[in-house]
PDB file of all heavy atoms in Angstrom:
ATOM      1  N   ARG A   1      28.228  53.792  74.916  1.00  0.00           N
ATOM      2  CA  ARG A   1      29.190  54.181  75.955  1.00  0.00           C
ATOM      3  C   ARG A   1      29.712  55.584  75.662  1.00  0.00           C
ATOM      4  O   ARG A   1      29.820  56.403  76.556  1.00  0.00           O
ATOM      5  CB  ARG A   1      30.338  53.180  76.011  1.00  0.00           C
ATOM      6  CG  ARG A   1      29.931  51.839  76.575  1.00  0.00           C
ATOM      7  CD  ARG A   1      31.129  50.941  76.783  1.00  0.00           C
ATOM      8  NE  ARG A   1      31.814  50.641  75.537  1.00  0.00           N
ATOM      9  CZ  ARG A   1      31.824  49.451  74.957  1.00  0.00           C
ATOM     10  NH1 ARG A   1      31.226  48.437  75.530  1.00  0.00           N
ATOM     11  NH2 ARG A   1      32.455  49.256  73.838  1.00  0.00           N
ATOM     12  N   SER A   2      30.079  55.849  74.397  1.00  0.00           N
ATOM     13  CA  SER A   2      30.597  57.169  74.061  1.00  0.00           C
ATOM     14  C   SER A   2      30.318  57.604  72.625  1.00  0.00           C
ATOM     15  O   SER A   2      30.401  58.789  72.327  1.00  0.00           O
ATOM     16  CB  SER A   2      32.113  57.223  74.306  1.00  0.00           C
ATOM     17  OG  SER A   2      32.769  56.335  73.435  1.00  0.00           O
ATOM     18  N   THR A   3      29.982  56.679  71.714  1.00  0.00           N
ATOM     19  CA  THR A   3      29.908  57.032  70.297  1.00  0.00           C
ATOM     20  C   THR A   3      28.642  56.490  69.630  1.00  0.00           C
ATOM     21  O   THR A   3      28.280  55.335  69.831  1.00  0.00           O
ATOM     22  CB  THR A   3      31.127  56.451  69.540  1.00  0.00           C
ATOM     23  OG1 THR A   3      32.310  56.926  70.168  1.00  0.00           O
ATOM     24  CG2 THR A   3      31.127  56.860  68.090  1.00  0.00           C
ATOM     25  N   VAL A   4      28.001  57.348  68.834  1.00  0.00           N
ATOM     26  CA  VAL A   4      26.899  56.956  67.954  1.00  0.00           C
ATOM     27  C   VAL A   4      27.305  57.403  66.561  1.00  0.00           C
ATOM     28  O   VAL A   4      27.791  58.515  66.370  1.00  0.00           O
ATOM     29  CB  VAL A   4      25.570  57.617  68.361  1.00  0.00           C
ATOM     30  CG1 VAL A   4      24.489  57.332  67.333  1.00  0.00           C
ATOM     31  CG2 VAL A   4      25.139  57.147  69.738  1.00  0.00           C
ATOM     32  N   ARG A   5      27.127  56.528  65.576  1.00  0.00           N
ATOM     33  CA  ARG A   5      27.527  56.851  64.200  1.00  0.00           C
ATOM     34  C   ARG A   5      26.367  56.591  63.257  1.00  0.00           C
ATOM     35  O   ARG A   5      25.657  55.594  63.402  1.00  0.00           O
ATOM     36  CB  ARG A   5      28.719  55.986  63.820  1.00  0.00           C
ATOM     37  CG  ARG A   5      29.262  56.293  62.436  1.00  0.00           C
ATOM     38  CD  ARG A   5      30.541  55.563  62.195  1.00  0.00           C
ATOM     39  NE  ARG A   5      30.257  54.174  61.880  1.00  0.00           N
ATOM     40  CZ  ARG A   5      31.105  53.370  61.258  1.00  0.00           C
ATOM     41  NH1 ARG A   5      32.299  53.812  60.930  1.00  0.00           N
ATOM     42  NH2 ARG A   5      30.781  52.141  61.000  1.00  0.00           N
ATOM     43  N   VAL A   6      26.169  57.484  62.293  1.00  0.00           N
ATOM     44  CA  VAL A   6      25.149  57.319  61.262  1.00  0.00           C
ATOM     45  C   VAL A   6      25.867  57.148  59.931  1.00  0.00           C
ATOM     46  O   VAL A   6      26.740  57.944  59.586  1.00  0.00           O
ATOM     47  CB  VAL A   6      24.204  58.543  61.198  1.00  0.00           C
ATOM     48  CG1 VAL A   6      23.202  58.376  60.062  1.00  0.00           C
ATOM     49  CG2 VAL A   6      23.496  58.738  62.523  1.00  0.00           C
ATOM     50  N   VAL A   7      25.506  56.098  59.198  1.00  0.00           N
ATOM     51  CA  VAL A   7      26.118  55.806  57.898  1.00  0.00           C
ATOM     52  C   VAL A   7      25.009  55.760  56.854  1.00  0.00           C
ATOM     53  O   VAL A   7      24.009  55.066  57.035  1.00  0.00           O
ATOM     54  CB  VAL A   7      26.864  54.443  57.933  1.00  0.00           C
ATOM     55  CG1 VAL A   7      27.442  54.122  56.566  1.00  0.00           C
ATOM     56  CG2 VAL A   7      27.933  54.440  59.003  1.00  0.00           C
ATOM     57  N   LEU A   8      25.175  56.491  55.780  1.00  0.00           N
ATOM     58  CA  LEU A   8      24.230  56.502  54.667  1.00  0.00           C
ATOM     59  C   LEU A   8      24.921  55.865  53.472  1.00  0.00           C
ATOM     60  O   LEU A   8      26.029  56.265  53.110  1.00  0.00           O
ATOM     61  CB  LEU A   8      23.819  57.944  54.344  1.00  0.00           C
ATOM     62  CG  LEU A   8      22.852  58.151  53.200  1.00  0.00           C
ATOM     63  CD1 LEU A   8      21.516  57.499  53.516  1.00  0.00           C
ATOM     64  CD2 LEU A   8      22.671  59.639  52.937  1.00  0.00           C
ATOM     65  N   ALA A   9      24.277  54.857  52.869  1.00  0.00           N
ATOM     66  CA  ALA A   9      24.899  54.147  51.747  1.00  0.00           C
ATOM     67  C   ALA A   9      23.834  53.668  50.769  1.00  0.00           C
ATOM     68  O   ALA A   9      22.659  53.569  51.116  1.00  0.00           O
ATOM     69  CB  ALA A   9      25.694  52.947  52.268  1.00  0.00           C
ATOM     70  N   LEU A  10      24.267  53.363  49.558  1.00  0.00           N
ATOM     71  CA  LEU A  10      23.406  52.706  48.581  1.00  0.00           C
ATOM     72  C   LEU A  10      23.685  51.216  48.625  1.00  0.00           C
ATOM     73  O   LEU A  10      24.837  50.789  48.726  1.00  0.00           O
ATOM     74  CB  LEU A  10      23.691  53.213  47.167  1.00  0.00           C
ATOM     75  CG  LEU A  10      23.131  54.567  46.807  1.00  0.00           C
ATOM     76  CD1 LEU A  10      23.597  54.970  45.408  1.00  0.00           C
ATOM     77  CD2 LEU A  10      21.621  54.564  46.866  1.00  0.00           C
ATOM     78  N   GLU A  11      22.625  50.433  48.551  1.00  0.00           N
ATOM     79  CA  GLU A  11      22.776  48.984  48.491  1.00  0.00           C
ATOM     80  C   GLU A  11      23.464  48.641  47.167  1.00  0.00           C
ATOM     81  O   GLU A  11      23.216  49.307  46.158  1.00  0.00           O
ATOM     82  CB  GLU A  11      21.387  48.340  48.563  1.00  0.00           C
ATOM     83  CG  GLU A  11      21.397  46.846  48.698  1.00  0.00           C
ATOM     84  CD  GLU A  11      19.983  46.324  48.900  1.00  0.00           C
ATOM     85  OE1 GLU A  11      19.167  46.460  47.972  1.00  0.00           O
ATOM     86  OE2 GLU A  11      19.716  45.787  49.974  1.00  0.00           O
ATOM     87  N   PRO A  12      24.329  47.623  47.164  1.00  0.00           N
ATOM     88  CA  PRO A  12      24.946  47.225  45.898  1.00  0.00           C
ATOM     89  C   PRO A  12      23.864  46.991  44.839  1.00  0.00           C
ATOM     90  O   PRO A  12      22.877  46.320  45.081  1.00  0.00           O
ATOM     91  CB  PRO A  12      25.673  45.935  46.245  1.00  0.00           C
ATOM     92  CG  PRO A  12      25.979  46.063  47.701  1.00  0.00           C
ATOM     93  CD  PRO A  12      24.796  46.801  48.280  1.00  0.00           C
ATOM     94  N   GLY A  13      24.019  47.583  43.692  1.00  0.00           N
ATOM     95  CA  GLY A  13      23.028  47.499  42.630  1.00  0.00           C
ATOM     96  C   GLY A  13      22.091  48.700  42.620  1.00  0.00           C
ATOM     97  O   GLY A  13      21.331  48.887  41.681  1.00  0.00           O
ATOM     98  N   GLY A  14      22.114  49.504  43.673  1.00  0.00           N
ATOM     99  CA  GLY A  14      21.323  50.725  43.716  1.00  0.00           C
ATOM    100  C   GLY A  14      19.842  50.553  43.958  1.00  0.00           C
ATOM    101  O   GLY A  14      19.081  51.487  43.780  1.00  0.00           O
ATOM    102  N   GLY A  15      19.394  49.382  44.390  1.00  0.00           N
ATOM    103  CA  GLY A  15      17.966  49.149  44.599  1.00  0.00           C
ATOM    104  C   GLY A  15      17.406  49.732  45.873  1.00  0.00           C
ATOM    105  O   GLY A  15      16.198  49.861  46.016  1.00  0.00           O
ATOM    106  N   ALA A  16      18.288  50.082  46.805  1.00  0.00           N
ATOM    107  CA  ALA A  16      17.797  50.594  48.087  1.00  0.00           C
ATOM    108  C   ALA A  16      18.810  51.539  48.718  1.00  0.00           C
ATOM    109  O   ALA A  16      20.002  51.476  48.437  1.00  0.00           O
ATOM    110  CB  ALA A  16      17.518  49.434  49.042  1.00  0.00           C
ATOM    111  N   VAL A  17      18.294  52.409  49.566  1.00  0.00           N
ATOM    112  CA  VAL A  17      19.114  53.310  50.366  1.00  0.00           C
ATOM    113  C   VAL A  17      19.182  52.707  51.767  1.00  0.00           C
ATOM    114  O   VAL A  17      18.166  52.284  52.322  1.00  0.00           O
ATOM    115  CB  VAL A  17      18.493  54.723  50.419  1.00  0.00           C
ATOM    116  CG1 VAL A  17      19.267  55.622  51.363  1.00  0.00           C
ATOM    117  CG2 VAL A  17      18.435  55.325  49.030  1.00  0.00           C
ATOM    118  N   LEU A  18      20.381  52.659  52.335  1.00  0.00           N
ATOM    119  CA  LEU A  18      20.586  52.104  53.667  1.00  0.00           C
ATOM    120  C   LEU A  18      21.022  53.221  54.610  1.00  0.00           C
ATOM    121  O   LEU A  18      21.933  53.980  54.293  1.00  0.00           O
ATOM    122  CB  LEU A  18      21.663  51.015  53.637  1.00  0.00           C
ATOM    123  CG  LEU A  18      21.450  49.886  52.637  1.00  0.00           C
ATOM    124  CD1 LEU A  18      22.663  48.973  52.626  1.00  0.00           C
ATOM    125  CD2 LEU A  18      20.192  49.113  52.973  1.00  0.00           C
ATOM    126  N   VAL A  19      20.360  53.302  55.750  1.00  0.00           N
ATOM    127  CA  VAL A  19      20.733  54.246  56.798  1.00  0.00           C
ATOM    128  C   VAL A  19      21.030  53.407  58.032  1.00  0.00           C
ATOM    129  O   VAL A  19      20.144  52.762  58.572  1.00  0.00           O
ATOM    130  CB  VAL A  19      19.612  55.257  57.109  1.00  0.00           C
ATOM    131  CG1 VAL A  19      20.065  56.238  58.178  1.00  0.00           C
ATOM    132  CG2 VAL A  19      19.171  55.988  55.854  1.00  0.00           C
ATOM    133  N   ARG A  20      22.294  53.419  58.453  1.00  0.00           N
ATOM    134  CA  ARG A  20      22.696  52.646  59.629  1.00  0.00           C
ATOM    135  C   ARG A  20      22.928  53.588  60.800  1.00  0.00           C
ATOM    136  O   ARG A  20      23.564  54.619  60.642  1.00  0.00           O
ATOM    137  CB  ARG A  20      23.987  51.879  59.373  1.00  0.00           C
ATOM    138  CG  ARG A  20      23.836  50.779  58.384  1.00  0.00           C
ATOM    139  CD  ARG A  20      25.156  50.084  58.180  1.00  0.00           C
ATOM    140  NE  ARG A  20      24.953  48.940  57.314  1.00  0.00           N
ATOM    141  CZ  ARG A  20      25.650  47.836  57.378  1.00  0.00           C
ATOM    142  NH1 ARG A  20      26.625  47.733  58.250  1.00  0.00           N
ATOM    143  NH2 ARG A  20      25.394  46.839  56.580  1.00  0.00           N
ATOM    144  N   VAL A  21      22.423  53.187  61.957  1.00  0.00           N
ATOM    145  CA  VAL A  21      22.690  53.895  63.202  1.00  0.00           C
ATOM    146  C   VAL A  21      23.409  52.894  64.095  1.00  0.00           C
ATOM    147  O   VAL A  21      22.841  51.884  64.490  1.00  0.00           O
ATOM    148  CB  VAL A  21      21.391  54.400  63.865  1.00  0.00           C
ATOM    149  CG1 VAL A  21      21.702  55.077  65.191  1.00  0.00           C
ATOM    150  CG2 VAL A  21      20.668  55.371  62.940  1.00  0.00           C
ATOM    151  N   GLU A  22      24.683  53.159  64.356  1.00  0.00           N
ATOM    152  CA  GLU A  22      25.531  52.240  65.117  1.00  0.00           C
ATOM    153  C   GLU A  22      25.957  52.895  66.424  1.00  0.00           C
ATOM    154  O   GLU A  22      26.040  54.115  66.514  1.00  0.00           O
ATOM    155  CB  GLU A  22      26.771  51.871  64.309  1.00  0.00           C
ATOM    156  CG  GLU A  22      26.441  51.286  62.951  1.00  0.00           C
ATOM    157  CD  GLU A  22      27.664  51.149  62.063  1.00  0.00           C
ATOM    158  OE1 GLU A  22      28.689  51.815  62.321  1.00  0.00           O
ATOM    159  OE2 GLU A  22      27.577  50.398  61.088  1.00  0.00           O
ATOM    160  N   HIS A  23      26.242  52.064  67.436  1.00  0.00           N
ATOM    161  CA  HIS A  23      26.721  52.583  68.718  1.00  0.00           C
ATOM    162  C   HIS A  23      27.738  51.628  69.313  1.00  0.00           C
ATOM    163  O   HIS A  23      27.843  50.476  68.905  1.00  0.00           O
ATOM    164  CB  HIS A  23      25.557  52.823  69.686  1.00  0.00           C
ATOM    165  CG  HIS A  23      24.775  51.598  70.012  1.00  0.00           C
ATOM    166  ND1 HIS A  23      25.169  50.700  70.980  1.00  0.00           N
ATOM    167  CD2 HIS A  23      23.633  51.113  69.495  1.00  0.00           C
ATOM    168  CE1 HIS A  23      24.290  49.732  71.059  1.00  0.00           C
ATOM    169  NE2 HIS A  23      23.351  49.950  70.154  1.00  0.00           N
ATOM    170  N   ASP A  24      28.508  52.112  70.268  1.00  0.00           N
ATOM    171  CA  ASP A  24      29.563  51.292  70.878  1.00  0.00           C
ATOM    172  C   ASP A  24      29.136  50.733  72.239  1.00  0.00           C
ATOM    173  O   ASP A  24      29.954  50.450  73.086  1.00  0.00           O
ATOM    174  CB  ASP A  24      30.843  52.119  71.027  1.00  0.00           C
ATOM    175  CG  ASP A  24      30.687  53.272  71.985  1.00  0.00           C
ATOM    176  OD1 ASP A  24      29.546  53.557  72.415  1.00  0.00           O
ATOM    177  OD2 ASP A  24      31.697  53.916  72.299  1.00  0.00           O
ATOM    178  N   GLY A  25      27.850  50.536  72.417  1.00  0.00           N
ATOM    179  CA  GLY A  25      27.329  50.047  73.695  1.00  0.00           C
ATOM    180  C   GLY A  25      27.166  48.548  73.752  1.00  0.00           C
ATOM    181  O   GLY A  25      27.839  47.801  73.052  1.00  0.00           O
ATOM    182  N   ARG A  26      26.210  48.136  74.536  1.00  0.00           N
ATOM    183  CA  ARG A  26      25.954  46.706  74.750  1.00  0.00           C
ATOM    184  C   ARG A  26      25.485  46.048  73.463  1.00  0.00           C
ATOM    185  O   ARG A  26      24.524  46.501  72.855  1.00  0.00           O
ATOM    186  CB  ARG A  26      24.878  46.535  75.820  1.00  0.00           C
ATOM    187  CG  ARG A  26      25.262  47.112  77.156  1.00  0.00           C
ATOM    188  CD  ARG A  26      24.189  46.842  78.189  1.00  0.00           C
ATOM    189  NE  ARG A  26      22.837  46.972  77.662  1.00  0.00           N
ATOM    190  CZ  ARG A  26      22.005  47.947  77.959  1.00  0.00           C
ATOM    191  NH1 ARG A  26      22.367  48.903  78.756  1.00  0.00           N
ATOM    192  NH2 ARG A  26      20.795  47.965  77.452  1.00  0.00           N
TER     193      ARG A  26
END
């Protein structure tokens, strides 16, 4: 609707990198 957010994080324990793409739509 109006917002897209990108979040970069390490998985707990450091075994993986997480890239989240979130939005406020349906």
